[in-house]
Amino acid sequence: MEEVHLNFSPLIMTASLASSLVADFVSKDFFGISPVFHFTNSGPIPLKQYVHLIICR
């Protein structure tokens, strides 16, 4: 916030803190605590597919 406003006043800090708390409350209360993306462990990647990882990078 300091880089955006060039000075960091108590008003800006209070607004940032309040918006962070409200965002945290909304995300936990409405969406739950479970992760959004569920990844399963598929095991190690075969050596033949490492080329695909390098291309995707």
PDB file of N, CA and C in Angstrom:
ATOM      1  N   MET A   1       0.818  -1.193   0.000  1.00  0.00           N
ATOM      2  CA  MET A   1       0.000   0.000   0.000  1.00  0.00           C
ATOM      3  C   MET A   1       0.862   1.258   0.000  1.00  0.00           C
ATOM      4  N   GLU A   2       2.034   1.165   0.597  1.00  0.00           N
ATOM      5  CA  GLU A   2       2.881   2.348   0.659  1.00  0.00           C
ATOM      6  C   GLU A   2       3.350   2.764  -0.734  1.00  0.00           C
ATOM      7  N   GLU A   3       3.607   1.798  -1.607  1.00  0.00           N
ATOM      8  CA  GLU A   3       4.054   2.127  -2.958  1.00  0.00           C
ATOM      9  C   GLU A   3       2.936   2.764  -3.772  1.00  0.00           C
ATOM     10  N   VAL A   4       1.703   2.405  -3.498  1.00  0.00           N
ATOM     11  CA  VAL A   4       0.573   2.937  -4.254  1.00  0.00           C
ATOM     12  C   VAL A   4       0.250   4.359  -3.826  1.00  0.00           C
ATOM     13  N   HIS A   5       0.282   4.608  -2.527  1.00  0.00           N
ATOM     14  CA  HIS A   5      -0.137   5.912  -2.013  1.00  0.00           C
ATOM     15  C   HIS A   5       1.026   6.842  -1.677  1.00  0.00           C
ATOM     16  N   LEU A   6       2.261   6.381  -1.759  1.00  0.00           N
ATOM     17  CA  LEU A   6       3.478   7.134  -1.480  1.00  0.00           C
ATOM     18  C   LEU A   6       3.637   7.521  -0.017  1.00  0.00           C
ATOM     19  N   ASN A   7       2.604   7.461   0.764  1.00  0.00           N
ATOM     20  CA  ASN A   7       2.723   7.601   2.212  1.00  0.00           C
ATOM     21  C   ASN A   7       1.710   6.666   2.846  1.00  0.00           C
ATOM     22  N   PHE A   8       1.982   6.280   4.041  1.00  0.00           N
ATOM     23  CA  PHE A   8       1.166   5.257   4.682  1.00  0.00           C
ATOM     24  C   PHE A   8       0.544   5.852   5.933  1.00  0.00           C
ATOM     25  N   SER A   9      -0.665   6.358   5.802  1.00  0.00           N
ATOM     26  CA  SER A   9      -1.350   6.985   6.925  1.00  0.00           C
ATOM     27  C   SER A   9      -2.159   5.955   7.707  1.00  0.00           C
ATOM     28  N   PRO A  10      -2.545   6.278   8.929  1.00  0.00           N
ATOM     29  CA  PRO A  10      -3.379   5.355   9.709  1.00  0.00           C
ATOM     30  C   PRO A  10      -4.726   5.061   9.043  1.00  0.00           C
ATOM     31  N   LEU A  11      -5.281   6.011   8.304  1.00  0.00           N
ATOM     32  CA  LEU A  11      -6.539   5.790   7.603  1.00  0.00           C
ATOM     33  C   LEU A  11      -6.400   4.700   6.538  1.00  0.00           C
ATOM     34  N   ILE A  12      -5.316   4.743   5.787  1.00  0.00           N
ATOM     35  CA  ILE A  12      -5.075   3.733   4.753  1.00  0.00           C
ATOM     36  C   ILE A  12      -4.835   2.375   5.398  1.00  0.00           C
ATOM     37  N   MET A  13      -4.090   2.347   6.503  1.00  0.00           N
ATOM     38  CA  MET A  13      -3.831   1.096   7.193  1.00  0.00           C
ATOM     39  C   MET A  13      -5.129   0.492   7.739  1.00  0.00           C
ATOM     40  N   THR A  14      -5.993   1.310   8.289  1.00  0.00           N
ATOM     41  CA  THR A  14      -7.265   0.829   8.822  1.00  0.00           C
ATOM     42  C   THR A  14      -8.155   0.289   7.704  1.00  0.00           C
ATOM     43  N   ALA A  15      -8.212   0.987   6.594  1.00  0.00           N
ATOM     44  CA  ALA A  15      -9.012   0.512   5.463  1.00  0.00           C
ATOM     45  C   ALA A  15      -8.460  -0.797   4.905  1.00  0.00           C
ATOM     46  N   SER A  16      -7.151  -0.921   4.822  1.00  0.00           N
ATOM     47  CA  SER A  16      -6.543  -2.163   4.323  1.00  0.00           C
ATOM     48  C   SER A  16      -6.797  -3.320   5.272  1.00  0.00           C
ATOM     49  N   LEU A  17      -6.684  -3.065   6.557  1.00  0.00           N
ATOM     50  CA  LEU A  17      -6.933  -4.114   7.541  1.00  0.00           C
ATOM     51  C   LEU A  17      -8.391  -4.550   7.526  1.00  0.00           C
ATOM     52  N   ALA A  18      -9.300  -3.588   7.454  1.00  0.00           N
ATOM     53  CA  ALA A  18     -10.728  -3.916   7.429  1.00  0.00           C
ATOM     54  C   ALA A  18     -11.092  -4.703   6.175  1.00  0.00           C
ATOM     55  N   SER A  19     -10.558  -4.301   5.032  1.00  0.00           N
ATOM     56  CA  SER A  19     -10.875  -5.024   3.796  1.00  0.00           C
ATOM     57  C   SER A  19     -10.288  -6.430   3.810  1.00  0.00           C
ATOM     58  N   SER A  20      -9.120  -6.609   4.408  1.00  0.00           N
ATOM     59  CA  SER A  20      -8.536  -7.949   4.520  1.00  0.00           C
ATOM     60  C   SER A  20      -9.364  -8.839   5.427  1.00  0.00           C
ATOM     61  N   LEU A  21      -9.831  -8.295   6.544  1.00  0.00           N
ATOM     62  CA  LEU A  21     -10.654  -9.079   7.462  1.00  0.00           C
ATOM     63  C   LEU A  21     -11.993  -9.457   6.843  1.00  0.00           C
ATOM     64  N   VAL A  22     -12.618  -8.529   6.137  1.00  0.00           N
ATOM     65  CA  VAL A  22     -13.898  -8.828   5.484  1.00  0.00           C
ATOM     66  C   VAL A  22     -13.710  -9.868   4.384  1.00  0.00           C
ATOM     67  N   ALA A  23     -12.640  -9.753   3.612  1.00  0.00           N
ATOM     68  CA  ALA A  23     -12.373 -10.731   2.557  1.00  0.00           C
ATOM     69  C   ALA A  23     -12.124 -12.118   3.143  1.00  0.00           C
ATOM     70  N   ASP A  24     -11.407 -12.184   4.247  1.00  0.00           N
ATOM     71  CA  ASP A  24     -11.163 -13.463   4.906  1.00  0.00           C
ATOM     72  C   ASP A  24     -12.464 -14.048   5.435  1.00  0.00           C
ATOM     73  N   PHE A  25     -13.298 -13.240   6.050  1.00  0.00           N
ATOM     74  CA  PHE A  25     -14.582 -13.706   6.565  1.00  0.00           C
ATOM     75  C   PHE A  25     -15.473 -14.222   5.451  1.00  0.00           C
ATOM     76  N   VAL A  26     -15.574 -13.467   4.365  1.00  0.00           N
ATOM     77  CA  VAL A  26     -16.434 -13.865   3.250  1.00  0.00           C
ATOM     78  C   VAL A  26     -15.943 -15.157   2.615  1.00  0.00           C
ATOM     79  N   SER A  27     -14.634 -15.259   2.410  1.00  0.00           N
ATOM     80  CA  SER A  27     -14.116 -16.460   1.757  1.00  0.00           C
ATOM     81  C   SER A  27     -14.319 -17.692   2.622  1.00  0.00           C
ATOM     82  N   LYS A  28     -14.154 -17.573   3.943  1.00  0.00           N
ATOM     83  CA  LYS A  28     -14.340 -18.742   4.813  1.00  0.00           C
ATOM     84  C   LYS A  28     -15.807 -19.039   5.062  1.00  0.00           C
ATOM     85  N   ASP A  29     -16.638 -18.007   5.211  1.00  0.00           N
ATOM     86  CA  ASP A  29     -18.034 -18.219   5.554  1.00  0.00           C
ATOM     87  C   ASP A  29     -18.855 -18.701   4.355  1.00  0.00           C
ATOM     88  N   PHE A  30     -18.629 -18.134   3.182  1.00  0.00           N
ATOM     89  CA  PHE A  30     -19.425 -18.485   2.011  1.00  0.00           C
ATOM     90  C   PHE A  30     -18.850 -19.651   1.225  1.00  0.00           C
ATOM     91  N   PHE A  31     -17.538 -19.710   1.122  1.00  0.00           N
ATOM     92  CA  PHE A  31     -16.919 -20.738   0.293  1.00  0.00           C
ATOM     93  C   PHE A  31     -16.387 -21.918   1.095  1.00  0.00           C
ATOM     94  N   GLY A  32     -16.299 -21.783   2.395  1.00  0.00           N
ATOM     95  CA  GLY A  32     -15.792 -22.864   3.245  1.00  0.00           C
ATOM     96  C   GLY A  32     -14.282 -22.863   3.313  1.00  0.00           C
ATOM     97  N   ILE A  33     -13.767 -23.767   4.110  1.00  0.00           N
ATOM     98  CA  ILE A  33     -12.324 -23.812   4.326  1.00  0.00           C
ATOM     99  C   ILE A  33     -11.659 -24.832   3.409  1.00  0.00           C
ATOM    100  N   SER A  34     -12.434 -25.632   2.710  1.00  0.00           N
ATOM    101  CA  SER A  34     -11.853 -26.639   1.831  1.00  0.00           C
ATOM    102  C   SER A  34     -11.143 -25.973   0.655  1.00  0.00           C
ATOM    103  N   PRO A  35     -10.129 -26.614   0.114  1.00  0.00           N
ATOM    104  CA  PRO A  35      -9.412 -26.020  -1.015  1.00  0.00           C
ATOM    105  C   PRO A  35     -10.290 -25.930  -2.265  1.00  0.00           C
ATOM    106  N   VAL A  36      -9.989 -24.962  -3.095  1.00  0.00           N
ATOM    107  CA  VAL A  36     -10.754 -24.760  -4.320  1.00  0.00           C
ATOM    108  C   VAL A  36     -10.373 -25.809  -5.361  1.00  0.00           C
ATOM    109  N   PHE A  37      -9.089 -26.050  -5.512  1.00  0.00           N
ATOM    110  CA  PHE A  37      -8.605 -27.037  -6.476  1.00  0.00           C
ATOM    111  C   PHE A  37      -8.189 -28.296  -5.728  1.00  0.00           C
ATOM    112  N   HIS A  38      -8.757 -29.420  -6.105  1.00  0.00           N
ATOM    113  CA  HIS A  38      -8.419 -30.691  -5.481  1.00  0.00           C
ATOM    114  C   HIS A  38      -7.482 -31.457  -6.401  1.00  0.00           C
ATOM    115  N   PHE A  39      -6.238 -31.614  -5.975  1.00  0.00           N
ATOM    116  CA  PHE A  39      -5.254 -32.354  -6.748  1.00  0.00           C
ATOM    117  C   PHE A  39      -5.039 -33.713  -6.102  1.00  0.00           C
ATOM    118  N   THR A  40      -4.985 -34.719  -6.917  1.00  0.00           N
ATOM    119  CA  THR A  40      -4.683 -36.051  -6.401  1.00  0.00           C
ATOM    120  C   THR A  40      -3.224 -36.357  -6.697  1.00  0.00           C
ATOM    121  N   ASN A  41      -2.642 -37.151  -5.855  1.00  0.00           N
ATOM    122  CA  ASN A  41      -1.258 -37.543  -6.047  1.00  0.00           C
ATOM    123  C   ASN A  41      -1.223 -38.667  -7.077  1.00  0.00           C
ATOM    124  N   SER A  42      -0.687 -38.381  -8.240  1.00  0.00           N
ATOM    125  CA  SER A  42      -0.683 -39.368  -9.316  1.00  0.00           C
ATOM    126  C   SER A  42       0.618 -40.146  -9.386  1.00  0.00           C
ATOM    127  N   GLY A  43       1.538 -39.878  -8.502  1.00  0.00           N
ATOM    128  CA  GLY A  43       2.791 -40.613  -8.497  1.00  0.00           C
ATOM    129  C   GLY A  43       3.878 -39.863  -9.248  1.00  0.00           C
ATOM    130  N   PRO A  44       5.039 -40.455  -9.328  1.00  0.00           N
ATOM    131  CA  PRO A  44       6.150 -39.783 -10.011  1.00  0.00           C
ATOM    132  C   PRO A  44       5.931 -39.700 -11.524  1.00  0.00           C
ATOM    133  N   ILE A  45       6.540 -38.713 -12.119  1.00  0.00           N
ATOM    134  CA  ILE A  45       6.436 -38.513 -13.572  1.00  0.00           C
ATOM    135  C   ILE A  45       7.478 -39.393 -14.256  1.00  0.00           C
ATOM    136  N   PRO A  46       7.074 -40.131 -15.280  1.00  0.00           N
ATOM    137  CA  PRO A  46       8.050 -40.955 -16.013  1.00  0.00           C
ATOM    138  C   PRO A  46       9.101 -40.081 -16.695  1.00  0.00           C
ATOM    139  N   LEU A  47      10.299 -40.624 -16.829  1.00  0.00           N
ATOM    140  CA  LEU A  47      11.397 -39.863 -17.420  1.00  0.00           C
ATOM    141  C   LEU A  47      11.106 -39.444 -18.857  1.00  0.00           C
ATOM    142  N   LYS A  48      10.315 -40.226 -19.584  1.00  0.00           N
ATOM    143  CA  LYS A  48      10.008 -39.889 -20.978  1.00  0.00           C
ATOM    144  C   LYS A  48       9.186 -38.604 -21.078  1.00  0.00           C
ATOM    145  N   GLN A  49       8.487 -38.228 -20.029  1.00  0.00           N
ATOM    146  CA  GLN A  49       7.623 -37.052 -20.082  1.00  0.00           C
ATOM    147  C   GLN A  49       8.295 -35.782 -19.563  1.00  0.00           C
ATOM    148  N   TYR A  50       9.539 -35.840 -19.174  1.00  0.00           N
ATOM    149  CA  TYR A  50      10.256 -34.649 -18.719  1.00  0.00           C
ATOM    150  C   TYR A  50      10.395 -33.609 -19.824  1.00  0.00           C
ATOM    151  N   VAL A  51      10.437 -34.055 -21.071  1.00  0.00           N
ATOM    152  CA  VAL A  51      10.524 -33.139 -22.211  1.00  0.00           C
ATOM    153  C   VAL A  51       9.279 -32.253 -22.235  1.00  0.00           C
ATOM    154  N   HIS A  52       8.130 -32.813 -21.941  1.00  0.00           N
ATOM    155  CA  HIS A  52       6.888 -32.041 -21.910  1.00  0.00           C
ATOM    156  C   HIS A  52       6.925 -30.984 -20.807  1.00  0.00           C
ATOM    157  N   LEU A  53       7.532 -31.310 -19.681  1.00  0.00           N
ATOM    158  CA  LEU A  53       7.660 -30.332 -18.594  1.00  0.00           C
ATOM    159  C   LEU A  53       8.532 -29.152 -19.007  1.00  0.00           C
ATOM    160  N   ILE A  54       9.598 -29.454 -19.706  1.00  0.00           N
ATOM    161  CA  ILE A  54      10.498 -28.375 -20.157  1.00  0.00           C
ATOM    162  C   ILE A  54       9.794 -27.491 -21.175  1.00  0.00           C
ATOM    163  N   ILE A  55       9.007 -28.088 -22.071  1.00  0.00           N
ATOM    164  CA  ILE A  55       8.266 -27.309 -23.073  1.00  0.00           C
ATOM    165  C   ILE A  55       7.206 -26.449 -22.393  1.00  0.00           C
ATOM    166  N   CYS A  56       6.529 -26.974 -21.399  1.00  0.00           N
ATOM    167  CA  CYS A  56       5.476 -26.216 -20.700  1.00  0.00           C
ATOM    168  C   CYS A  56       6.025 -25.077 -19.850  1.00  0.00           C
ATOM    169  N   ARG A  57       7.256 -25.147 -19.505  1.00  0.00           N
ATOM    170  CA  ARG A  57       7.851 -24.116 -18.671  1.00  0.00           C
ATOM    171  C   ARG A  57       7.903 -22.839 -19.419  1.00  0.00           C
TER     172      ARG A  57
END
